[in-house]
Amino acid sequence: MDIDKYLSDVLESQTLADDGEEMKALRKRRDEVEKLLRESFKDTNPTIRYAGSFSKKTMIKEYYDLDIACYFPRNDDDAGSALKDIYCNVRDALKKKYVIEPKNSALRLKGLDADVHGEDFHIDIVPGRFTDNDKKDVYLHRENDDKVRLKTNPQIHVEHVRDSGVRDAIRLVKYWRERNGIEIKTFVLEIIVIEMLKDKKDRKLQTQLKHVWTEFRNHSASLSAKDPANPEGNDLAAFLSENIKTQLRQVSEKVLKQVDDEQWESIFGKVADKENSGRTAALAAAISSRPTGQTYKPFAE
């Protein structure tokens, strides 16, 4: 097997095409959300922009979200005087057209209308308030945390990952995480991988992956991560529990044996050839064009 070509094919299979149906649906929904939020908060001027893996260019098809930031000016109370008020008021505005699943600092959008009720739209809205008039640092509300306010800088997060030089490795490690049910948060995983590969940016992908897995196997107990936007103020230790460290160590030990045996398809699976992929896409398009009363959904997640 040509391992480099195989890994390249895996990456391609996990890429959401810019003109593909998934991205078209996400962009359409994003426009709807922005219109709803601006209508709901007419007396203010929230900054609404892409964030998360879309901006970092690390999305994978296996598990993807579109993060949309909605940040209000520092001294503007139109959306609420306190961070919790902003969080709740944005939630209530979105409830007009969506089922909302509250998360710690985000609001997950799901279908409200009968034909899509409960359908996951893969979109998280992140409400917040800028800390000053420079509109760089933001405060986020924490719904289920002892620390109810988080200070961070999403643009630093984006640049840290987007410009890391190891985005392909990050995407493959994320895919590996999903295939093995490892519970580590995406941003924490990204920070760790970037740190591990900072001196190996010019190495082959297979070498980078083997290094990451070796570090997980041999040094999981000492794993740590620092928020590049607020390294002293935001403690990420809680996201690296003993259970997560054990998962990383055990799964990495297994995967390294597969690497030694050159069983890469056992790690990432077989990649469908382009002809079959085209047939699958055509079938999916045909099914999506059925009347809404038909509920046959073989590709539903």
Protein backbone atom coordinates (compact mmCIF):
# COMPACT_ATOMS: atom_id res chain seq x y z
CA MET A 1 0.00 0.00 0.00
CA ASP A 2 1.12 3.53 -0.79
CA ILE A 3 0.50 4.95 2.69
CA ASP A 4 0.91 8.59 1.71
CA LYS A 5 -1.65 8.23 -1.09
CA TYR A 6 -4.00 6.34 1.21
CA LEU A 7 -3.88 9.07 3.87
CA SER A 8 -4.41 11.69 1.18
CA ASP A 9 -7.47 9.77 -0.03
CA VAL A 10 -8.80 9.55 3.53
CA LEU A 11 -8.47 13.31 3.88
CA GLU A 12 -10.26 13.84 0.58
CA SER A 13 -13.07 11.52 1.64
CA GLN A 14 -13.49 13.56 4.84
CA THR A 15 -13.57 16.92 3.05
CA LEU A 16 -16.83 18.80 2.80
CA ALA A 17 -16.78 20.17 -0.74
CA ASP A 18 -17.25 23.91 -0.88
CA ASP A 19 -19.98 23.46 -3.50
CA GLY A 20 -21.37 20.29 -1.90
CA GLU A 21 -24.87 19.89 -0.52
CA GLU A 22 -23.73 19.92 3.11
CA MET A 23 -21.94 23.26 2.81
CA LYS A 24 -24.77 24.78 0.77
CA ALA A 25 -27.23 23.78 3.49
CA LEU A 26 -24.97 25.17 6.23
CA ARG A 27 -24.54 28.51 4.46
CA LYS A 28 -28.25 28.82 3.80
CA ARG A 29 -29.03 28.11 7.44
CA ARG A 30 -26.34 30.56 8.52
CA ASP A 31 -27.99 33.34 6.51
CA GLU A 32 -31.35 32.51 8.08
CA VAL A 33 -29.85 32.63 11.58
CA GLU A 34 -28.15 35.97 10.99
CA LYS A 35 -31.37 37.49 9.66
CA LEU A 36 -33.30 36.22 12.69
CA LEU A 37 -30.74 37.55 15.18
CA ARG A 38 -30.50 40.96 13.55
CA GLU A 39 -34.29 41.26 13.51
CA SER A 40 -34.45 40.21 17.16
CA PHE A 41 -31.83 42.75 18.27
CA LYS A 42 -32.58 45.71 16.01
CA ASP A 43 -31.27 48.32 18.43
CA THR A 44 -27.77 46.90 18.57
CA ASN A 45 -25.18 45.75 16.07
CA PRO A 46 -23.92 42.27 16.95
CA THR A 47 -20.85 40.91 15.22
CA ILE A 48 -21.92 37.67 13.55
CA ARG A 49 -19.21 35.57 11.94
CA TYR A 50 -17.95 32.07 11.31
CA ALA A 51 -15.84 30.44 14.00
CA GLY A 52 -14.67 26.96 14.99
CA SER A 53 -13.43 24.28 12.61
CA PHE A 54 -14.86 26.00 9.52
CA SER A 55 -12.62 29.03 10.10
CA LYS A 56 -9.73 26.85 11.22
CA LYS A 57 -10.09 24.72 8.06
CA THR A 58 -10.13 21.48 10.05
CA MET A 59 -13.67 20.24 9.40
CA ILE A 60 -14.20 16.53 8.80
CA LYS A 61 -17.29 14.93 7.30
CA GLU A 62 -17.53 12.27 10.01
CA TYR A 63 -18.31 14.88 12.67
CA TYR A 64 -18.78 18.50 11.75
CA ASP A 65 -20.33 21.60 13.25
CA LEU A 66 -20.63 25.13 11.96
CA ASP A 67 -19.89 27.51 14.82
CA ILE A 68 -21.44 30.96 14.44
CA ALA A 69 -20.29 33.64 16.86
CA CYS A 70 -22.76 36.33 17.90
CA TYR A 71 -20.91 38.96 19.95
CA PHE A 72 -22.45 42.16 21.29
CA PRO A 73 -20.68 45.49 21.90
CA ARG A 74 -19.17 46.04 25.33
CA ASN A 75 -21.50 48.78 26.58
CA ASP A 76 -24.65 47.71 24.77
CA ASP A 77 -27.37 46.19 26.96
CA ASP A 78 -29.91 45.56 24.21
CA ALA A 79 -29.34 41.81 24.41
CA GLY A 80 -28.99 41.85 28.20
CA SER A 81 -26.95 43.47 30.92
CA ALA A 82 -25.32 40.25 32.15
CA LEU A 83 -23.69 37.44 30.17
CA LYS A 84 -26.34 34.97 31.29
CA ASP A 85 -29.02 37.40 30.08
CA ILE A 86 -27.35 37.55 26.66
CA TYR A 87 -27.16 33.75 26.50
CA CYS A 88 -30.83 33.37 27.46
CA ASN A 89 -32.10 36.17 25.22
CA VAL A 90 -30.27 34.82 22.17
CA ARG A 91 -31.65 31.38 23.01
CA ASP A 92 -35.20 32.76 23.20
CA ALA A 93 -34.78 34.58 19.88
CA LEU A 94 -33.62 31.39 18.18
CA LYS A 95 -36.52 29.42 19.66
CA LYS A 96 -38.86 31.23 17.28
CA LYS A 97 -37.60 29.04 14.43
CA TYR A 98 -35.52 26.25 15.96
CA VAL A 99 -35.47 23.65 18.67
CA ILE A 100 -32.57 24.66 20.91
CA GLU A 101 -30.25 22.29 22.73
CA PRO A 102 -28.35 24.36 25.32
CA LYS A 103 -24.65 23.61 25.65
CA ASN A 104 -22.09 25.09 28.01
CA SER A 105 -21.40 28.25 26.02
CA ALA A 106 -23.28 27.49 22.81
CA LEU A 107 -26.79 26.86 21.52
CA ARG A 108 -27.29 23.89 19.20
CA LEU A 109 -29.89 24.32 16.45
CA LYS A 110 -32.34 21.56 15.55
CA GLY A 111 -35.40 21.46 13.36
CA LEU A 112 -38.68 22.91 14.63
CA ASP A 113 -40.99 22.43 11.64
CA ALA A 114 -42.86 19.14 11.37
CA ASP A 115 -40.92 17.86 8.36
CA VAL A 116 -37.54 18.37 10.06
CA HIS A 117 -38.51 18.26 13.75
CA GLY A 118 -35.53 17.37 15.90
CA GLU A 119 -33.15 17.12 12.94
CA ASP A 120 -29.63 18.20 13.89
CA PHE A 121 -28.57 21.11 11.69
CA HIS A 122 -24.89 20.85 12.75
CA ILE A 123 -24.88 24.50 13.83
CA ASP A 124 -23.83 25.98 17.18
CA ILE A 125 -24.51 29.63 18.00
CA VAL A 126 -22.03 31.10 20.50
CA PRO A 127 -23.35 34.29 22.19
CA GLY A 128 -20.96 36.63 23.97
CA ARG A 129 -19.87 40.19 24.64
CA PHE A 130 -16.68 41.96 23.65
CA THR A 131 -14.52 42.97 26.61
CA ASP A 132 -13.63 46.35 25.08
CA ASN A 133 -14.06 48.48 21.99
CA ASP A 134 -11.20 46.76 20.15
CA LYS A 135 -13.56 43.81 19.58
CA LYS A 136 -10.92 41.13 20.05
CA ASP A 137 -11.30 39.51 23.47
CA VAL A 138 -14.77 38.29 24.44
CA TYR A 139 -16.59 37.08 27.52
CA LEU A 140 -18.68 33.94 27.17
CA HIS A 141 -21.29 32.67 29.61
CA ARG A 142 -20.69 29.19 31.07
CA GLU A 143 -24.01 27.49 31.70
CA ASN A 144 -22.80 24.34 33.47
CA ASP A 145 -19.56 25.34 35.12
CA ASP A 146 -18.31 26.68 38.44
CA LYS A 147 -16.66 29.46 36.46
CA VAL A 148 -19.68 31.27 34.99
CA ARG A 149 -17.63 33.64 32.79
CA LEU A 150 -14.89 32.75 30.34
CA LYS A 151 -12.56 35.30 28.79
CA THR A 152 -11.09 34.26 25.48
CA ASN A 153 -10.17 35.38 21.98
CA PRO A 154 -11.70 33.24 19.23
CA GLN A 155 -9.58 34.85 16.51
CA ILE A 156 -6.40 33.75 18.28
CA HIS A 157 -7.87 30.24 18.46
CA VAL A 158 -8.58 30.28 14.73
CA GLU A 159 -5.13 31.57 13.78
CA HIS A 160 -3.37 29.17 16.17
CA VAL A 161 -4.90 26.17 14.41
CA ARG A 162 -5.33 27.50 10.86
CA ASP A 163 -1.70 28.65 10.64
CA SER A 164 -0.21 25.72 12.57
CA GLY A 165 1.18 23.97 9.50
CA VAL A 166 -0.24 20.62 10.67
CA ARG A 167 -3.92 20.88 9.73
CA ASP A 168 -3.92 17.59 7.82
CA ALA A 169 -2.58 15.75 10.86
CA ILE A 170 -5.18 17.46 13.05
CA ARG A 171 -7.99 16.37 10.75
CA LEU A 172 -6.80 12.77 10.71
CA VAL A 173 -6.40 12.67 14.49
CA LYS A 174 -9.93 14.09 14.83
CA TYR A 175 -11.21 11.37 12.50
CA TRP A 176 -9.34 8.74 14.53
CA ARG A 177 -10.92 10.14 17.71
CA GLU A 178 -14.40 9.83 16.23
CA ARG A 179 -13.85 6.29 14.98
CA ASN A 180 -12.76 5.23 18.46
CA GLY A 181 -15.20 7.20 20.60
CA ILE A 182 -12.51 9.11 22.49
CA GLU A 183 -14.16 11.86 24.53
CA ILE A 184 -11.51 14.58 24.33
CA LYS A 185 -12.76 18.03 23.27
CA THR A 186 -11.76 19.17 19.79
CA PHE A 187 -9.94 22.35 20.77
CA VAL A 188 -7.94 20.62 23.50
CA LEU A 189 -6.96 17.89 21.04
CA GLU A 190 -5.93 20.50 18.48
CA ILE A 191 -3.72 22.33 20.99
CA ILE A 192 -2.00 19.10 22.03
CA VAL A 193 -1.38 17.92 18.45
CA ILE A 194 0.03 21.31 17.45
CA GLU A 195 2.43 21.28 20.39
CA MET A 196 3.53 17.70 19.67
CA LEU A 197 4.21 18.46 16.00
CA LYS A 198 5.74 21.93 16.28
CA ASP A 199 9.16 20.54 15.29
CA LYS A 200 7.81 18.00 12.80
CA LYS A 201 5.85 20.15 10.37
CA ASP A 202 7.94 19.00 7.41
CA ARG A 203 7.57 15.28 8.14
CA LYS A 204 5.29 12.91 6.26
CA LEU A 205 1.77 12.51 7.58
CA GLN A 206 2.34 8.91 8.60
CA THR A 207 5.38 10.01 10.63
CA GLN A 208 3.42 12.80 12.30
CA LEU A 209 0.58 10.46 13.21
CA LYS A 210 2.90 7.82 14.60
CA HIS A 211 4.62 10.46 16.74
CA VAL A 212 1.30 11.70 18.16
CA TRP A 213 0.14 8.20 18.98
CA THR A 214 3.50 7.33 20.54
CA GLU A 215 3.27 10.39 22.77
CA PHE A 216 -0.26 9.44 23.79
CA ARG A 217 0.84 5.91 24.59
CA ASN A 218 4.00 6.80 26.50
CA HIS A 219 3.14 10.11 28.15
CA SER A 220 -0.63 10.26 28.57
CA ALA A 221 -0.33 10.83 32.33
CA SER A 222 1.54 14.11 31.81
CA LEU A 223 -0.63 15.50 29.00
CA SER A 224 -1.51 19.17 29.37
CA ALA A 225 -2.88 22.00 27.24
CA LYS A 226 -2.85 25.80 27.48
CA ASP A 227 -5.40 28.10 25.90
CA PRO A 228 -3.32 30.28 23.53
CA ALA A 229 -5.81 33.12 23.99
CA ASN A 230 -5.64 33.11 27.80
CA PRO A 231 -2.95 30.66 28.97
CA GLU A 232 -2.98 31.68 32.62
CA GLY A 233 -6.67 32.51 33.00
CA ASN A 234 -8.33 29.45 31.44
CA ASP A 235 -7.55 26.14 33.08
CA LEU A 236 -8.03 23.30 30.58
CA ALA A 237 -7.05 20.54 33.02
CA ALA A 238 -10.70 19.58 33.52
CA PHE A 239 -10.85 18.57 29.85
CA LEU A 240 -8.04 16.05 30.36
CA SER A 241 -9.56 13.74 32.95
CA GLU A 242 -7.93 10.46 33.94
CA ASN A 243 -10.57 8.65 31.91
CA ILE A 244 -9.68 10.59 28.75
CA LYS A 245 -5.96 10.05 29.31
CA THR A 246 -6.59 6.33 29.71
CA GLN A 247 -8.63 6.25 26.50
CA LEU A 248 -5.85 8.00 24.59
CA ARG A 249 -3.20 5.65 25.95
CA GLN A 250 -5.12 2.43 25.34
CA VAL A 251 -6.35 3.27 21.85
CA SER A 252 -2.91 4.59 20.84
CA GLU A 253 -1.27 1.38 22.04
CA LYS A 254 -3.63 -0.58 19.79
CA VAL A 255 -3.22 1.70 16.79
CA LEU A 256 0.58 1.60 16.94
CA LYS A 257 0.45 -2.17 16.60
CA GLN A 258 -1.71 -1.69 13.52
CA VAL A 259 0.83 0.79 12.15
CA ASP A 260 3.65 -1.70 12.72
CA ASP A 261 1.63 -4.32 10.81
CA GLU A 262 0.82 -1.75 8.09
CA GLN A 263 -2.90 -2.19 8.74
CA TRP A 264 -3.81 1.41 7.99
CA GLU A 265 -7.25 0.48 6.70
CA SER A 266 -7.99 -0.93 10.15
CA ILE A 267 -7.33 2.56 11.52
CA PHE A 268 -9.21 4.78 9.08
CA GLY A 269 -11.24 2.29 7.05
CA LYS A 270 -11.40 1.66 3.33
CA VAL A 271 -11.77 4.65 1.05
CA ALA A 272 -14.46 4.29 -1.59
CA ASP A 273 -13.25 4.75 -5.14
CA LYS A 274 -14.44 7.89 -6.89
CA GLU A 275 -16.81 6.01 -9.20
CA ASN A 276 -18.70 4.46 -6.29
CA SER A 277 -18.61 7.75 -4.41
CA GLY A 278 -20.30 9.40 -7.37
CA ARG A 279 -23.03 6.76 -7.41
CA THR A 280 -23.59 7.19 -3.68
CA ALA A 281 -23.85 10.96 -4.07
CA ALA A 282 -26.35 10.54 -6.90
CA LEU A 283 -28.47 8.20 -4.78
CA ALA A 284 -28.36 10.62 -1.87
CA ALA A 285 -29.44 13.47 -4.14
CA ALA A 286 -32.33 11.39 -5.49
CA ILE A 287 -33.50 10.51 -1.99
CA SER A 288 -33.25 14.12 -0.82
CA SER A 289 -35.59 15.12 -3.66
CA ARG A 290 -38.37 12.82 -2.44
CA PRO A 291 -41.54 14.49 -1.10
CA THR A 292 -41.24 15.33 2.60
CA GLY A 293 -43.94 12.80 3.46
CA GLN A 294 -41.57 9.96 2.60
CA THR A 295 -39.36 9.08 5.54
CA TYR A 296 -36.88 6.66 4.00
CA LYS A 297 -33.53 8.11 5.11
CA PRO A 298 -30.69 5.61 4.73
CA PHE A 299 -28.10 8.38 5.03
CA ALA A 300 -29.56 10.03 8.14
CA GLU A 301 -27.07 10.41 10.99
